[in-house]
Protein backbone atom coordinates (compact mmCIF):
# COMPACT_ATOMS: atom_id res chain seq x y z
CA UNK A 1 5.89 -6.27 1.23
CA UNK A 2 6.02 -3.01 -0.70
CA UNK A 3 4.23 0.23 0.06
CA UNK A 4 3.22 2.86 -2.45
CA UNK A 5 2.15 6.41 -1.78
CA UNK A 6 1.34 9.52 -3.78
CA UNK A 7 3.11 11.53 -1.10
CA UNK A 8 6.50 13.07 -1.76
CA UNK A 9 9.70 11.08 -1.30
CA UNK A 10 10.50 13.21 1.75
CA UNK A 11 7.08 12.57 3.31
CA UNK A 12 7.51 8.82 2.68
CA UNK A 13 10.97 8.88 4.28
CA UNK A 14 9.67 10.64 7.40
CA UNK A 15 6.69 8.29 7.65
CA UNK A 16 8.94 5.23 7.32
CA UNK A 17 11.28 6.57 10.01
CA UNK A 18 8.42 7.45 12.36
CA UNK A 19 6.95 3.95 12.18
CA UNK A 20 10.29 2.14 11.78
CA UNK A 21 9.23 0.54 8.52
CA UNK A 22 11.63 -1.90 6.91
CA UNK A 23 9.77 -2.29 3.64
CA UNK A 24 10.49 -0.37 0.45
CA UNK A 25 8.13 2.47 -0.43
CA UNK A 26 7.29 3.45 -3.99
CA UNK A 27 7.05 7.20 -4.41
CA UNK A 28 4.22 7.96 -6.82
CA UNK A 29 3.87 11.70 -6.20
CA UNK A 30 4.44 13.10 -9.68
CA UNK A 31 2.48 11.01 -12.14
CA UNK A 32 0.37 8.79 -9.84
CA UNK A 33 1.11 6.05 -12.39
CA UNK A 34 1.16 3.24 -9.82
CA UNK A 35 -2.09 4.45 -8.25
CA UNK A 36 -3.68 4.77 -11.70
CA UNK A 37 -2.50 1.29 -12.73
CA UNK A 38 -4.16 -0.18 -9.64
CA UNK A 39 -7.32 1.90 -10.10
CA UNK A 40 -7.01 3.87 -6.87
CA UNK A 41 -5.84 7.29 -8.10
CA UNK A 42 -7.98 10.20 -6.93
CA UNK A 43 -6.28 12.94 -8.94
CA UNK A 44 -8.85 15.65 -8.20
CA UNK A 45 -8.05 15.52 -4.49
CA UNK A 46 -4.39 14.53 -4.91
CA UNK A 47 -4.52 11.30 -2.95
CA UNK A 48 -5.03 7.61 -3.61
CA UNK A 49 -7.75 5.41 -2.18
CA UNK A 50 -6.25 3.30 0.61
CA UNK A 51 -6.23 -0.27 -0.61
CA UNK A 52 -4.21 -3.37 0.21
CA UNK A 53 -3.45 -6.22 -2.19
CA UNK A 54 -1.88 -9.54 -1.24
CA UNK A 55 0.01 -10.77 -4.28
CA UNK A 56 2.08 -13.95 -4.57
CA UNK A 57 5.68 -13.67 -5.81
CA UNK A 58 4.46 -15.12 -9.14
CA UNK A 59 1.94 -12.27 -9.50
CA UNK A 60 -1.20 -14.13 -8.43
CA UNK A 61 -3.63 -11.83 -6.64
CA UNK A 62 -4.70 -13.56 -3.45
CA UNK A 63 -6.78 -10.96 -1.59
CA UNK A 64 -7.89 -7.34 -1.86
CA UNK A 65 -8.84 -4.99 0.93
CA UNK A 66 -10.67 -2.22 -0.98
CA UNK A 67 -11.63 -0.09 2.02
CA UNK A 68 -8.74 0.17 4.46
CA UNK A 69 -9.36 1.52 7.93
CA UNK A 70 -5.97 1.90 9.61
CA UNK A 71 -7.06 0.68 13.05
CA UNK A 72 -6.69 -3.09 13.13
CA UNK A 73 -5.81 -3.39 9.45
CA UNK A 74 -2.25 -4.64 9.99
CA UNK A 75 -3.51 -7.44 12.23
CA UNK A 76 -6.12 -8.44 9.65
CA UNK A 77 -3.53 -8.51 6.86
CA UNK A 78 -1.06 -10.47 8.97
CA UNK A 79 -3.75 -13.05 9.78
CA UNK A 80 -4.59 -13.41 6.08
CA UNK A 81 -0.90 -13.79 5.20
CA UNK A 82 -0.52 -16.53 7.76
CA UNK A 83 -3.63 -18.26 6.43
CA UNK A 84 -2.45 -18.06 2.81
CA UNK A 85 1.28 -18.63 3.20
CA UNK A 86 1.57 -20.25 6.60
């Protein structure tokens, strides 16, 4: 699992500490290149559209959540991961 955010590195660090995240976070604050590559950059407002992708280690896209609502999302993603990968 990897997270990406257009927030600053410092904001990402604080967020990861607050929620005790153990996954790496990609900082995309300057160029928004990762967000642009995935088609979720919203440069005019300085944020990215919240989206989740489940991608196999070989690069196969297994599922997309194009409209993420934080409440309950983690449980939905975990259930899908268990269904796909056991």
